[in-house]
Amino acid sequence: MSEHENSQHIADRRKPDSEMVRQIIDALKENSICIDNETHKEHHEFIKVMLEREHRRLARSDRIREQVVGWAIIAFLGGIGTAMYNWLMNLKEHAK
C-alpha cells in the first residue's frame, strides 16, 4: 500500500460511512419516536463526546505509529554507525 493510499485510508476512518448514515436516517424516519428536547440534547452531547474520544484515539494511534517508525530509523542508523566503528577499529588493528 502506497503512502498516499495509507494516508487516505487513515483519513477515511475519521469520516462516517455515508451508507451507514443513510441507514440510520432511514431507521429514524421509519421508527419515529417522540423524545423531549432535553433528552435529544443529551443524545447529541453524548455523540459529540464519543466522536471526540474516537478522534483522540485515532490521533494517538497515528502519533504512536510515527514515533515507532522514527525510533526504528534511529536504531537502524545507530546499527550502521556501530558496524562502521567496529569495521574501522578492525582495520586499525590490522594496519599495525
N, C-alpha and C. Protein backbone atom coordinates (compact mmCIF):
# COMPACT_ATOMS: atom_id res chain seq x y z
N MET A 1 0.86 -1.17 0.00
CA MET A 1 0.00 0.00 0.00
C MET A 1 0.90 1.23 0.00
N SER A 2 0.66 2.17 -0.93
CA SER A 2 1.49 3.36 -1.02
C SER A 2 1.20 4.30 0.15
N GLU A 3 2.09 5.27 0.32
CA GLU A 3 1.92 6.22 1.42
C GLU A 3 0.64 7.01 1.25
N HIS A 4 0.33 7.39 0.00
CA HIS A 4 -0.90 8.15 -0.26
C HIS A 4 -2.13 7.31 0.06
N GLU A 5 -2.12 6.04 -0.38
CA GLU A 5 -3.26 5.16 -0.09
C GLU A 5 -3.40 4.96 1.41
N ASN A 6 -2.27 4.81 2.11
CA ASN A 6 -2.30 4.62 3.55
C ASN A 6 -2.86 5.85 4.24
N SER A 7 -2.42 7.05 3.83
CA SER A 7 -2.93 8.27 4.45
C SER A 7 -4.41 8.46 4.12
N GLN A 8 -4.81 8.07 2.90
CA GLN A 8 -6.21 8.15 2.52
C GLN A 8 -7.05 7.20 3.38
N HIS A 9 -6.54 5.99 3.62
CA HIS A 9 -7.23 5.01 4.46
C HIS A 9 -7.38 5.54 5.88
N ILE A 10 -6.34 6.15 6.40
CA ILE A 10 -6.40 6.70 7.75
C ILE A 10 -7.41 7.84 7.80
N ALA A 11 -7.41 8.71 6.80
CA ALA A 11 -8.35 9.83 6.77
C ALA A 11 -9.78 9.31 6.68
N ASP A 12 -10.02 8.23 5.92
CA ASP A 12 -11.37 7.69 5.76
C ASP A 12 -11.93 7.17 7.07
N ARG A 13 -11.07 6.70 7.96
CA ARG A 13 -11.56 6.17 9.23
C ARG A 13 -12.22 7.26 10.06
N ARG A 14 -11.88 8.50 9.81
CA ARG A 14 -12.41 9.59 10.62
C ARG A 14 -13.75 10.10 10.10
N LYS A 15 -14.13 9.68 8.90
CA LYS A 15 -15.38 10.12 8.31
C LYS A 15 -16.42 9.02 8.47
N PRO A 16 -17.66 9.39 8.81
CA PRO A 16 -18.69 8.34 8.89
C PRO A 16 -18.99 7.78 7.51
N ASP A 17 -19.28 6.52 7.46
CA ASP A 17 -19.63 5.85 6.21
C ASP A 17 -20.98 6.39 5.75
N SER A 18 -21.05 6.88 4.52
CA SER A 18 -22.29 7.50 4.03
C SER A 18 -23.44 6.50 4.02
N GLU A 19 -23.16 5.25 3.71
CA GLU A 19 -24.22 4.23 3.71
C GLU A 19 -24.75 4.02 5.13
N MET A 20 -23.86 4.03 6.11
CA MET A 20 -24.28 3.86 7.50
C MET A 20 -25.15 5.04 7.92
N VAL A 21 -24.74 6.25 7.56
CA VAL A 21 -25.53 7.44 7.90
C VAL A 21 -26.91 7.36 7.26
N ARG A 22 -26.96 6.95 6.00
CA ARG A 22 -28.24 6.83 5.30
C ARG A 22 -29.14 5.79 6.00
N GLN A 23 -28.58 4.68 6.43
CA GLN A 23 -29.37 3.65 7.11
C GLN A 23 -29.89 4.16 8.44
N ILE A 24 -29.07 4.91 9.16
CA ILE A 24 -29.52 5.45 10.45
C ILE A 24 -30.67 6.42 10.23
N ILE A 25 -30.53 7.30 9.24
CA ILE A 25 -31.60 8.28 8.96
C ILE A 25 -32.87 7.57 8.56
N ASP A 26 -32.77 6.55 7.69
CA ASP A 26 -33.96 5.78 7.28
C ASP A 26 -34.61 5.10 8.48
N ALA A 27 -33.80 4.51 9.34
CA ALA A 27 -34.34 3.82 10.52
C ALA A 27 -35.04 4.82 11.45
N LEU A 28 -34.48 6.01 11.58
CA LEU A 28 -35.12 7.03 12.42
C LEU A 28 -36.44 7.48 11.83
N LYS A 29 -36.50 7.61 10.50
CA LYS A 29 -37.74 8.02 9.86
C LYS A 29 -38.82 6.95 10.01
N GLU A 30 -38.42 5.68 9.87
CA GLU A 30 -39.39 4.57 9.96
C GLU A 30 -39.86 4.37 11.40
N ASN A 31 -39.01 4.56 12.35
CA ASN A 31 -39.33 4.29 13.75
C ASN A 31 -39.33 5.58 14.56
N SER A 32 -40.03 6.57 14.04
CA SER A 32 -40.01 7.86 14.72
C SER A 32 -40.66 7.72 16.10
N ILE A 33 -39.94 8.18 17.06
CA ILE A 33 -40.45 8.18 18.43
C ILE A 33 -40.32 9.62 18.93
N CYS A 34 -41.15 9.95 19.82
CA CYS A 34 -41.11 11.30 20.35
C CYS A 34 -40.29 11.31 21.64
N ILE A 35 -39.27 12.14 21.62
CA ILE A 35 -38.50 12.34 22.85
C ILE A 35 -38.46 13.83 23.11
N ASP A 36 -38.33 14.15 24.37
CA ASP A 36 -38.33 15.58 24.71
C ASP A 36 -37.00 16.22 24.28
N ASN A 37 -37.01 17.52 24.19
CA ASN A 37 -35.85 18.26 23.70
C ASN A 37 -34.62 18.07 24.59
N GLU A 38 -34.83 17.97 25.88
CA GLU A 38 -33.70 17.80 26.80
C GLU A 38 -32.99 16.46 26.55
N THR A 39 -33.76 15.40 26.38
CA THR A 39 -33.17 14.10 26.09
C THR A 39 -32.47 14.12 24.75
N HIS A 40 -33.08 14.77 23.78
CA HIS A 40 -32.47 14.89 22.46
C HIS A 40 -31.13 15.63 22.55
N LYS A 41 -31.10 16.68 23.33
CA LYS A 41 -29.87 17.45 23.53
C LYS A 41 -28.81 16.59 24.21
N GLU A 42 -29.22 15.79 25.20
CA GLU A 42 -28.28 14.89 25.88
C GLU A 42 -27.70 13.86 24.90
N HIS A 43 -28.53 13.37 24.01
CA HIS A 43 -28.06 12.41 23.00
C HIS A 43 -26.99 13.05 22.12
N HIS A 44 -27.24 14.27 21.69
CA HIS A 44 -26.26 14.97 20.86
C HIS A 44 -24.95 15.20 21.61
N GLU A 45 -25.05 15.56 22.87
CA GLU A 45 -23.84 15.77 23.68
C GLU A 45 -23.07 14.45 23.82
N PHE A 46 -23.78 13.36 24.03
CA PHE A 46 -23.13 12.05 24.16
C PHE A 46 -22.42 11.68 22.86
N ILE A 47 -23.10 11.88 21.74
CA ILE A 47 -22.49 11.57 20.44
C ILE A 47 -21.26 12.44 20.22
N LYS A 48 -21.35 13.71 20.59
CA LYS A 48 -20.21 14.62 20.45
C LYS A 48 -19.02 14.12 21.27
N VAL A 49 -19.27 13.71 22.51
CA VAL A 49 -18.20 13.19 23.37
C VAL A 49 -17.60 11.93 22.77
N MET A 50 -18.43 11.04 22.25
CA MET A 50 -17.94 9.80 21.66
C MET A 50 -17.09 10.08 20.41
N LEU A 51 -17.52 11.02 19.58
CA LEU A 51 -16.75 11.38 18.39
C LEU A 51 -15.41 12.00 18.77
N GLU A 52 -15.41 12.87 19.77
CA GLU A 52 -14.16 13.48 20.22
C GLU A 52 -13.21 12.41 20.76
N ARG A 53 -13.75 11.46 21.51
CA ARG A 53 -12.94 10.38 22.06
C ARG A 53 -12.32 9.54 20.93
N GLU A 54 -13.12 9.24 19.91
CA GLU A 54 -12.61 8.46 18.78
C GLU A 54 -11.53 9.23 18.02
N HIS A 55 -11.73 10.53 17.84
CA HIS A 55 -10.71 11.34 17.16
C HIS A 55 -9.41 11.38 17.96
N ARG A 56 -9.51 11.50 19.28
CA ARG A 56 -8.30 11.47 20.13
C ARG A 56 -7.62 10.11 20.03
N ARG A 57 -8.39 9.04 20.02
CA ARG A 57 -7.82 7.70 19.93
C ARG A 57 -7.08 7.52 18.60
N LEU A 58 -7.69 7.96 17.52
CA LEU A 58 -7.05 7.85 16.21
C LEU A 58 -5.79 8.72 16.12
N ALA A 59 -5.87 9.92 16.69
CA ALA A 59 -4.69 10.80 16.68
C ALA A 59 -3.57 10.18 17.51
N ARG A 60 -3.90 9.59 18.65
CA ARG A 60 -2.90 8.93 19.49
C ARG A 60 -2.27 7.76 18.74
N SER A 61 -3.10 7.00 18.06
CA SER A 61 -2.59 5.87 17.28
C SER A 61 -1.64 6.34 16.18
N ASP A 62 -2.00 7.43 15.52
CA ASP A 62 -1.12 7.98 14.48
C ASP A 62 0.21 8.46 15.06
N ARG A 63 0.17 9.14 16.22
CA ARG A 63 1.40 9.61 16.86
C ARG A 63 2.29 8.45 17.27
N ILE A 64 1.70 7.39 17.80
CA ILE A 64 2.48 6.21 18.21
C ILE A 64 3.15 5.59 17.00
N ARG A 65 2.40 5.45 15.91
CA ARG A 65 2.95 4.87 14.68
C ARG A 65 4.14 5.71 14.19
N GLU A 66 3.99 7.03 14.21
CA GLU A 66 5.09 7.91 13.78
C GLU A 66 6.30 7.76 14.68
N GLN A 67 6.08 7.66 15.99
CA GLN A 67 7.19 7.51 16.93
C GLN A 67 7.91 6.19 16.73
N VAL A 68 7.16 5.13 16.52
CA VAL A 68 7.77 3.81 16.31
C VAL A 68 8.64 3.82 15.06
N VAL A 69 8.12 4.40 13.99
CA VAL A 69 8.90 4.48 12.75
C VAL A 69 10.14 5.32 12.98
N GLY A 70 10.01 6.43 13.68
CA GLY A 70 11.16 7.29 13.97
C GLY A 70 12.23 6.57 14.76
N TRP A 71 11.82 5.87 15.80
CA TRP A 71 12.80 5.14 16.62
C TRP A 71 13.42 3.98 15.85
N ALA A 72 12.67 3.36 14.96
CA ALA A 72 13.23 2.29 14.14
C ALA A 72 14.32 2.84 13.22
N ILE A 73 14.09 4.01 12.66
CA ILE A 73 15.10 4.64 11.80
C ILE A 73 16.34 4.98 12.62
N ILE A 74 16.13 5.54 13.81
CA ILE A 74 17.27 5.88 14.67
C ILE A 74 18.05 4.62 15.05
N ALA A 75 17.36 3.54 15.38
CA ALA A 75 18.04 2.29 15.74
C ALA A 75 18.81 1.75 14.54
N PHE A 76 18.22 1.80 13.36
CA PHE A 76 18.90 1.32 12.16
C PHE A 76 20.17 2.13 11.89
N LEU A 77 20.06 3.45 11.96
CA LEU A 77 21.23 4.30 11.74
C LEU A 77 22.29 4.07 12.82
N GLY A 78 21.85 3.85 14.05
CA GLY A 78 22.79 3.54 15.13
C GLY A 78 23.51 2.23 14.87
N GLY A 79 22.79 1.25 14.34
CA GLY A 79 23.40 -0.03 13.99
C GLY A 79 24.44 0.13 12.90
N ILE A 80 24.13 0.95 11.91
CA ILE A 80 25.10 1.20 10.84
C ILE A 80 26.34 1.90 11.41
N GLY A 81 26.12 2.88 12.30
CA GLY A 81 27.24 3.58 12.93
C GLY A 81 28.11 2.64 13.74
N THR A 82 27.50 1.75 14.50
CA THR A 82 28.25 0.78 15.30
C THR A 82 29.05 -0.16 14.41
N ALA A 83 28.42 -0.62 13.34
CA ALA A 83 29.11 -1.52 12.41
C ALA A 83 30.30 -0.81 11.77
N MET A 84 30.13 0.44 11.37
CA MET A 84 31.23 1.21 10.78
C MET A 84 32.36 1.41 11.79
N TYR A 85 32.01 1.72 13.02
CA TYR A 85 33.02 1.91 14.06
C TYR A 85 33.82 0.62 14.27
N ASN A 86 33.12 -0.49 14.39
CA ASN A 86 33.80 -1.78 14.57
C ASN A 86 34.68 -2.12 13.37
N TRP A 87 34.21 -1.84 12.16
CA TRP A 87 34.99 -2.10 10.95
C TRP A 87 36.26 -1.25 10.94
N LEU A 88 36.12 0.05 11.30
CA LEU A 88 37.29 0.92 11.34
C LEU A 88 38.30 0.49 12.41
N MET A 89 37.79 0.07 13.56
CA MET A 89 38.68 -0.40 14.62
C MET A 89 39.41 -1.67 14.18
N ASN A 90 38.70 -2.54 13.45
CA ASN A 90 39.30 -3.76 12.93
C ASN A 90 40.40 -3.42 11.91
N LEU A 91 40.12 -2.45 11.03
CA LEU A 91 41.13 -2.02 10.06
C LEU A 91 42.35 -1.43 10.77
N LYS A 92 42.10 -0.66 11.81
CA LYS A 92 43.18 -0.05 12.57
C LYS A 92 44.07 -1.13 13.21
N GLU A 93 43.45 -2.15 13.75
CA GLU A 93 44.20 -3.26 14.38
C GLU A 93 45.04 -3.99 13.37
N HIS A 94 44.48 -4.23 12.19
CA HIS A 94 45.21 -4.98 11.16
C HIS A 94 46.27 -4.12 10.47
N ALA A 95 46.15 -2.81 10.56
CA ALA A 95 47.14 -1.92 9.93
C ALA A 95 48.42 -1.82 10.74
N LYS A 96 48.40 -2.21 12.00
CA LYS A 96 49.60 -2.12 12.84
C LYS A 96 50.68 -3.04 12.42
